[in-house]
Amino acid sequence: MRLSQIHHVAVIVSDYAVSRDFYVNKLGFSVVRENYRPERDDWKLDLKVNEGTELEIFGVKNPPKRVNRPEACGLRHLAFQVDSVEDTVAELKEMGIPCEPIRGDTFTGKKMTFFFDPDGLPLELHE
């Protein structure tokens, strides 16, 4: 078996319009496909992260809340590689998106920090 790369990561959101604005207009991901699925009464938004990876956003009505504390099994966070954590944090702050303090990754020594999407999903910036 040869699993060469991650094709996509899927996220369920509670407010489609707010999350679409966050991921498209604030984080800058471009729309690949956007479809309303009447049989499920939801929206499916495919966003281009890079040449090989997409982020799928599913806007569903009344999803259960995400468990943050204590952390539960499953997806812990999404991490995005950036050239400069400091520059990216400054851009996010200009848009009113707070970030945790920048710190060093214990194992790699690279700079990193976290911020959160509108539903509280932790998003990491990592050099």
N, C-alpha and C. Protein backbone atom coordinates (compact mmCIF):
# COMPACT_ATOMS: atom_id res chain seq x y z
N MET A 1 0.85 -1.19 0.00
CA MET A 1 0.00 0.00 0.00
C MET A 1 0.89 1.23 0.00
N ARG A 2 0.45 2.24 -0.74
CA ARG A 2 1.20 3.50 -0.80
C ARG A 2 0.23 4.66 -0.63
N LEU A 3 0.18 5.22 0.55
CA LEU A 3 -0.63 6.40 0.82
C LEU A 3 0.29 7.60 0.67
N SER A 4 0.13 8.34 -0.41
CA SER A 4 1.14 9.34 -0.77
C SER A 4 0.98 10.70 -0.10
N GLN A 5 -0.24 11.12 0.17
CA GLN A 5 -0.44 12.42 0.82
C GLN A 5 -1.88 12.50 1.30
N ILE A 6 -2.17 13.49 2.10
CA ILE A 6 -3.55 13.72 2.54
C ILE A 6 -4.27 14.45 1.42
N HIS A 7 -5.39 13.90 0.98
CA HIS A 7 -6.18 14.53 -0.08
C HIS A 7 -7.03 15.65 0.49
N HIS A 8 -7.75 15.37 1.58
CA HIS A 8 -8.57 16.41 2.20
C HIS A 8 -8.83 16.10 3.66
N VAL A 9 -9.23 17.14 4.36
CA VAL A 9 -9.68 17.05 5.74
C VAL A 9 -11.08 17.65 5.76
N ALA A 10 -12.01 17.01 6.45
CA ALA A 10 -13.39 17.48 6.49
C ALA A 10 -13.73 18.03 7.88
N VAL A 11 -14.45 19.16 7.88
CA VAL A 11 -14.85 19.83 9.11
C VAL A 11 -16.34 20.12 9.05
N ILE A 12 -17.05 19.79 10.10
CA ILE A 12 -18.48 20.15 10.21
C ILE A 12 -18.56 21.46 10.98
N VAL A 13 -19.35 22.40 10.44
CA VAL A 13 -19.48 23.71 11.07
C VAL A 13 -20.94 23.98 11.43
N SER A 14 -21.12 24.85 12.42
CA SER A 14 -22.48 25.13 12.89
C SER A 14 -23.14 26.29 12.14
N ASP A 15 -22.36 27.21 11.62
CA ASP A 15 -22.91 28.35 10.89
C ASP A 15 -22.14 28.46 9.57
N TYR A 16 -22.76 27.97 8.50
CA TYR A 16 -22.08 27.87 7.21
C TYR A 16 -21.56 29.23 6.73
N ALA A 17 -22.39 30.26 6.79
CA ALA A 17 -21.99 31.58 6.28
C ALA A 17 -20.80 32.13 7.05
N VAL A 18 -20.82 32.01 8.36
CA VAL A 18 -19.72 32.52 9.20
C VAL A 18 -18.43 31.75 8.90
N SER A 19 -18.53 30.42 8.82
CA SER A 19 -17.34 29.61 8.56
C SER A 19 -16.82 29.80 7.14
N ARG A 20 -17.73 29.97 6.18
CA ARG A 20 -17.29 30.23 4.80
C ARG A 20 -16.50 31.53 4.75
N ASP A 21 -17.01 32.57 5.40
CA ASP A 21 -16.32 33.85 5.46
C ASP A 21 -14.94 33.69 6.12
N PHE A 22 -14.87 32.96 7.21
CA PHE A 22 -13.62 32.76 7.94
C PHE A 22 -12.57 32.07 7.07
N TYR A 23 -12.93 30.94 6.47
CA TYR A 23 -11.95 30.16 5.72
C TYR A 23 -11.62 30.76 4.34
N VAL A 24 -12.60 31.42 3.71
CA VAL A 24 -12.36 31.98 2.38
C VAL A 24 -11.82 33.41 2.48
N ASN A 25 -12.51 34.28 3.17
CA ASN A 25 -12.15 35.70 3.18
C ASN A 25 -11.06 36.06 4.18
N LYS A 26 -10.96 35.32 5.27
CA LYS A 26 -9.94 35.64 6.26
C LYS A 26 -8.68 34.79 6.07
N LEU A 27 -8.84 33.46 5.96
CA LEU A 27 -7.67 32.60 5.79
C LEU A 27 -7.22 32.51 4.34
N GLY A 28 -8.07 32.89 3.40
CA GLY A 28 -7.65 33.00 2.01
C GLY A 28 -7.68 31.74 1.17
N PHE A 29 -8.41 30.71 1.60
CA PHE A 29 -8.52 29.50 0.79
C PHE A 29 -9.47 29.76 -0.36
N SER A 30 -9.14 29.24 -1.54
CA SER A 30 -10.00 29.46 -2.69
C SER A 30 -11.04 28.34 -2.81
N VAL A 31 -12.20 28.71 -3.34
CA VAL A 31 -13.31 27.76 -3.50
C VAL A 31 -13.07 26.89 -4.72
N VAL A 32 -13.12 25.58 -4.52
CA VAL A 32 -13.01 24.62 -5.62
C VAL A 32 -14.42 24.24 -6.08
N ARG A 33 -15.26 23.90 -5.12
CA ARG A 33 -16.66 23.54 -5.38
C ARG A 33 -17.50 23.98 -4.20
N GLU A 34 -18.73 24.37 -4.49
CA GLU A 34 -19.68 24.74 -3.43
C GLU A 34 -21.04 24.22 -3.85
N ASN A 35 -21.62 23.36 -3.03
CA ASN A 35 -22.89 22.74 -3.39
C ASN A 35 -23.83 22.63 -2.21
N TYR A 36 -25.07 22.97 -2.47
CA TYR A 36 -26.13 22.68 -1.50
C TYR A 36 -26.64 21.28 -1.82
N ARG A 37 -26.79 20.45 -0.79
CA ARG A 37 -27.26 19.08 -0.98
C ARG A 37 -28.65 18.96 -0.34
N PRO A 38 -29.72 19.10 -1.17
CA PRO A 38 -31.08 19.11 -0.62
C PRO A 38 -31.45 17.81 0.09
N GLU A 39 -30.92 16.69 -0.36
CA GLU A 39 -31.25 15.42 0.27
C GLU A 39 -30.73 15.34 1.71
N ARG A 40 -29.72 16.15 2.02
CA ARG A 40 -29.16 16.19 3.37
C ARG A 40 -29.43 17.52 4.07
N ASP A 41 -29.98 18.47 3.31
CA ASP A 41 -30.24 19.81 3.82
C ASP A 41 -28.97 20.42 4.43
N ASP A 42 -27.85 20.32 3.66
CA ASP A 42 -26.60 20.91 4.12
C ASP A 42 -25.82 21.48 2.94
N TRP A 43 -24.75 22.19 3.28
CA TRP A 43 -23.83 22.75 2.29
C TRP A 43 -22.52 21.99 2.37
N LYS A 44 -21.89 21.78 1.21
CA LYS A 44 -20.56 21.18 1.14
C LYS A 44 -19.68 22.13 0.35
N LEU A 45 -18.65 22.63 1.01
CA LEU A 45 -17.73 23.60 0.42
C LEU A 45 -16.34 22.99 0.38
N ASP A 46 -15.77 22.84 -0.82
CA ASP A 46 -14.42 22.31 -0.98
C ASP A 46 -13.48 23.47 -1.23
N LEU A 47 -12.45 23.58 -0.39
CA LEU A 47 -11.50 24.68 -0.46
C LEU A 47 -10.11 24.16 -0.79
N LYS A 48 -9.38 24.91 -1.59
CA LYS A 48 -8.02 24.54 -1.97
C LYS A 48 -7.05 25.08 -0.92
N VAL A 49 -6.34 24.16 -0.26
CA VAL A 49 -5.31 24.55 0.70
C VAL A 49 -3.98 24.73 -0.03
N ASN A 50 -3.65 23.74 -0.87
CA ASN A 50 -2.45 23.80 -1.71
C ASN A 50 -2.70 22.91 -2.93
N GLU A 51 -1.69 22.62 -3.70
CA GLU A 51 -1.89 21.85 -4.94
C GLU A 51 -2.46 20.46 -4.70
N GLY A 52 -2.21 19.87 -3.55
CA GLY A 52 -2.65 18.50 -3.34
C GLY A 52 -3.66 18.30 -2.23
N THR A 53 -4.00 19.33 -1.48
CA THR A 53 -4.84 19.16 -0.30
C THR A 53 -6.04 20.11 -0.33
N GLU A 54 -7.19 19.56 0.02
CA GLU A 54 -8.41 20.37 0.13
C GLU A 54 -8.94 20.30 1.56
N LEU A 55 -9.70 21.30 1.92
CA LEU A 55 -10.42 21.35 3.18
C LEU A 55 -11.90 21.34 2.84
N GLU A 56 -12.62 20.33 3.32
CA GLU A 56 -14.06 20.24 3.09
C GLU A 56 -14.80 20.83 4.28
N ILE A 57 -15.70 21.74 4.01
CA ILE A 57 -16.52 22.35 5.04
C ILE A 57 -17.95 21.86 4.83
N PHE A 58 -18.53 21.26 5.85
CA PHE A 58 -19.91 20.81 5.80
C PHE A 58 -20.73 21.68 6.74
N GLY A 59 -21.68 22.42 6.18
CA GLY A 59 -22.57 23.24 6.99
C GLY A 59 -23.86 22.47 7.25
N VAL A 60 -24.00 21.97 8.47
CA VAL A 60 -25.18 21.18 8.83
C VAL A 60 -25.94 21.91 9.93
N LYS A 61 -27.24 21.65 10.00
CA LYS A 61 -28.07 22.28 11.03
C LYS A 61 -27.92 21.55 12.35
N ASN A 62 -27.69 22.32 13.40
CA ASN A 62 -27.66 21.81 14.78
C ASN A 62 -26.70 20.64 15.01
N PRO A 63 -25.45 20.75 14.59
CA PRO A 63 -24.52 19.66 14.91
C PRO A 63 -24.21 19.65 16.40
N PRO A 64 -23.86 18.50 16.97
CA PRO A 64 -23.48 18.50 18.38
C PRO A 64 -22.21 19.33 18.59
N LYS A 65 -22.07 19.90 19.76
CA LYS A 65 -20.89 20.71 20.08
C LYS A 65 -19.64 19.85 20.09
N ARG A 66 -18.53 20.46 19.70
CA ARG A 66 -17.23 19.79 19.73
C ARG A 66 -16.75 19.70 21.17
N VAL A 67 -16.21 18.54 21.55
CA VAL A 67 -15.64 18.36 22.88
C VAL A 67 -14.23 18.93 22.87
N ASN A 68 -13.98 19.93 23.70
CA ASN A 68 -12.64 20.53 23.77
C ASN A 68 -11.89 20.13 25.03
N ARG A 69 -12.56 20.13 26.13
CA ARG A 69 -11.93 19.79 27.41
C ARG A 69 -12.85 18.88 28.19
N PRO A 70 -12.43 17.73 28.63
CA PRO A 70 -11.13 17.15 28.28
C PRO A 70 -11.13 16.74 26.82
N GLU A 71 -9.94 16.71 26.23
CA GLU A 71 -9.83 16.33 24.83
C GLU A 71 -10.35 14.91 24.63
N ALA A 72 -11.04 14.72 23.51
CA ALA A 72 -11.62 13.41 23.20
C ALA A 72 -10.83 12.77 22.05
N CYS A 73 -11.05 11.49 21.83
CA CYS A 73 -10.42 10.81 20.71
C CYS A 73 -10.88 11.45 19.41
N GLY A 74 -10.04 11.38 18.40
CA GLY A 74 -10.38 11.93 17.10
C GLY A 74 -9.46 13.08 16.73
N LEU A 75 -9.88 13.85 15.76
CA LEU A 75 -9.08 14.97 15.28
C LEU A 75 -8.80 15.94 16.42
N ARG A 76 -7.54 16.25 16.62
CA ARG A 76 -7.16 17.17 17.69
C ARG A 76 -7.10 18.60 17.19
N HIS A 77 -6.43 18.81 16.05
CA HIS A 77 -6.35 20.14 15.45
C HIS A 77 -5.87 20.02 14.01
N LEU A 78 -5.97 21.12 13.28
CA LEU A 78 -5.38 21.22 11.94
C LEU A 78 -4.17 22.13 12.05
N ALA A 79 -3.09 21.76 11.41
CA ALA A 79 -1.88 22.57 11.44
C ALA A 79 -1.54 23.02 10.03
N PHE A 80 -1.23 24.31 9.90
CA PHE A 80 -0.86 24.89 8.62
C PHE A 80 0.59 25.37 8.69
N GLN A 81 1.39 25.01 7.72
CA GLN A 81 2.77 25.47 7.65
C GLN A 81 2.79 26.87 7.06
N VAL A 82 3.57 27.74 7.70
CA VAL A 82 3.73 29.12 7.23
C VAL A 82 5.21 29.47 7.22
N ASP A 83 5.58 30.47 6.44
CA ASP A 83 6.97 30.91 6.41
C ASP A 83 7.35 31.63 7.70
N SER A 84 6.41 32.43 8.22
CA SER A 84 6.68 33.21 9.43
C SER A 84 5.45 33.19 10.33
N VAL A 85 5.59 32.59 11.50
CA VAL A 85 4.49 32.59 12.46
C VAL A 85 4.18 34.02 12.90
N GLU A 86 5.23 34.82 13.16
CA GLU A 86 5.01 36.20 13.61
C GLU A 86 4.20 37.00 12.60
N ASP A 87 4.58 36.92 11.32
CA ASP A 87 3.87 37.68 10.28
C ASP A 87 2.42 37.21 10.15
N THR A 88 2.20 35.91 10.23
CA THR A 88 0.84 35.37 10.09
C THR A 88 -0.01 35.76 11.29
N VAL A 89 0.56 35.72 12.49
CA VAL A 89 -0.16 36.15 13.69
C VAL A 89 -0.55 37.62 13.57
N ALA A 90 0.36 38.45 13.06
CA ALA A 90 0.05 39.88 12.88
C ALA A 90 -1.10 40.06 11.90
N GLU A 91 -1.12 39.29 10.81
CA GLU A 91 -2.22 39.38 9.84
C GLU A 91 -3.54 38.95 10.48
N LEU A 92 -3.52 37.87 11.24
CA LEU A 92 -4.74 37.40 11.90
C LEU A 92 -5.25 38.43 12.89
N LYS A 93 -4.34 39.02 13.67
CA LYS A 93 -4.74 40.03 14.66
C LYS A 93 -5.38 41.24 13.99
N GLU A 94 -4.86 41.63 12.80
CA GLU A 94 -5.45 42.75 12.06
C GLU A 94 -6.90 42.45 11.67
N MET A 95 -7.22 41.17 11.49
CA MET A 95 -8.59 40.76 11.14
C MET A 95 -9.42 40.47 12.38
N GLY A 96 -8.88 40.71 13.56
CA GLY A 96 -9.61 40.48 14.79
C GLY A 96 -9.62 39.03 15.24
N ILE A 97 -8.68 38.24 14.76
CA ILE A 97 -8.60 36.83 15.13
C ILE A 97 -7.45 36.67 16.13
N PRO A 98 -7.78 36.42 17.40
CA PRO A 98 -6.72 36.29 18.41
C PRO A 98 -5.96 34.98 18.28
N CYS A 99 -4.71 35.01 18.69
CA CYS A 99 -3.85 33.83 18.70
C CYS A 99 -3.28 33.65 20.10
N GLU A 100 -2.92 32.42 20.41
CA GLU A 100 -2.20 32.16 21.65
C GLU A 100 -0.79 32.71 21.51
N PRO A 101 -0.07 32.84 22.62
CA PRO A 101 1.33 33.29 22.51
C PRO A 101 2.15 32.33 21.65
N ILE A 102 3.10 32.89 20.92
CA ILE A 102 3.99 32.09 20.08
C ILE A 102 4.95 31.35 21.00
N ARG A 103 5.18 30.08 20.68
CA ARG A 103 6.12 29.29 21.47
C ARG A 103 6.90 28.38 20.53
N GLY A 104 7.87 27.69 21.07
CA GLY A 104 8.67 26.76 20.28
C GLY A 104 8.14 25.35 20.42
N ASP A 105 8.09 24.64 19.31
CA ASP A 105 7.72 23.22 19.34
C ASP A 105 8.82 22.48 20.09
N THR A 106 8.45 21.75 21.11
CA THR A 106 9.40 21.05 21.97
C THR A 106 10.31 20.11 21.20
N PHE A 107 9.78 19.50 20.15
CA PHE A 107 10.54 18.47 19.43
C PHE A 107 11.29 19.01 18.22
N THR A 108 10.70 19.97 17.50
CA THR A 108 11.35 20.47 16.28
C THR A 108 12.12 21.76 16.50
N GLY A 109 11.78 22.49 17.58
CA GLY A 109 12.39 23.78 17.83
C GLY A 109 11.81 24.89 16.98
N LYS A 110 10.85 24.58 16.10
CA LYS A 110 10.22 25.57 15.22
C LYS A 110 9.17 26.37 15.99
N LYS A 111 8.93 27.60 15.53
CA LYS A 111 7.91 28.44 16.15
C LYS A 111 6.52 27.94 15.78
N MET A 112 5.59 28.10 16.73
CA MET A 112 4.22 27.65 16.51
C MET A 112 3.27 28.42 17.42
N THR A 113 2.00 28.40 17.07
CA THR A 113 0.95 28.94 17.92
C THR A 113 -0.39 28.38 17.46
N PHE A 114 -1.43 28.65 18.23
CA PHE A 114 -2.77 28.21 17.89
C PHE A 114 -3.73 29.40 17.82
N PHE A 115 -4.73 29.25 16.98
CA PHE A 115 -5.90 30.13 16.96
C PHE A 115 -7.09 29.22 16.71
N PHE A 116 -8.29 29.76 16.65
CA PHE A 116 -9.48 28.91 16.59
C PHE A 116 -10.43 29.37 15.50
N ASP A 117 -11.11 28.40 14.89
CA ASP A 117 -12.13 28.75 13.89
C ASP A 117 -13.41 29.16 14.62
N PRO A 118 -14.46 29.59 13.92
CA PRO A 118 -15.67 30.07 14.59
C PRO A 118 -16.35 29.05 15.51
N ASP A 119 -16.09 27.75 15.30
CA ASP A 119 -16.68 26.72 16.16
C ASP A 119 -15.71 26.23 17.23
N GLY A 120 -14.57 26.88 17.37
CA GLY A 120 -13.61 26.49 18.40
C GLY A 120 -12.64 25.40 17.99
N LEU A 121 -12.61 25.02 16.71
CA LEU A 121 -11.64 24.02 16.26
C LEU A 121 -10.25 24.64 16.33
N PRO A 122 -9.32 24.01 17.06
CA PRO A 122 -7.98 24.55 17.13
C PRO A 122 -7.26 24.45 15.78
N LEU A 123 -6.67 25.57 15.37
CA LEU A 123 -5.89 25.66 14.14
C LEU A 123 -4.48 26.08 14.53
N GLU A 124 -3.48 25.36 14.06
CA GLU A 124 -2.10 25.63 14.43
C GLU A 124 -1.36 26.28 13.27
N LEU A 125 -0.49 27.21 13.60
CA LEU A 125 0.47 27.77 12.64
C LEU A 125 1.82 27.21 13.04
N HIS A 126 2.56 26.69 12.06
CA HIS A 126 3.85 26.06 12.36
C HIS A 126 4.84 26.40 11.27
N GLU A 127 6.02 26.83 11.66
CA GLU A 127 7.07 27.14 10.68
C GLU A 127 7.72 25.87 10.21
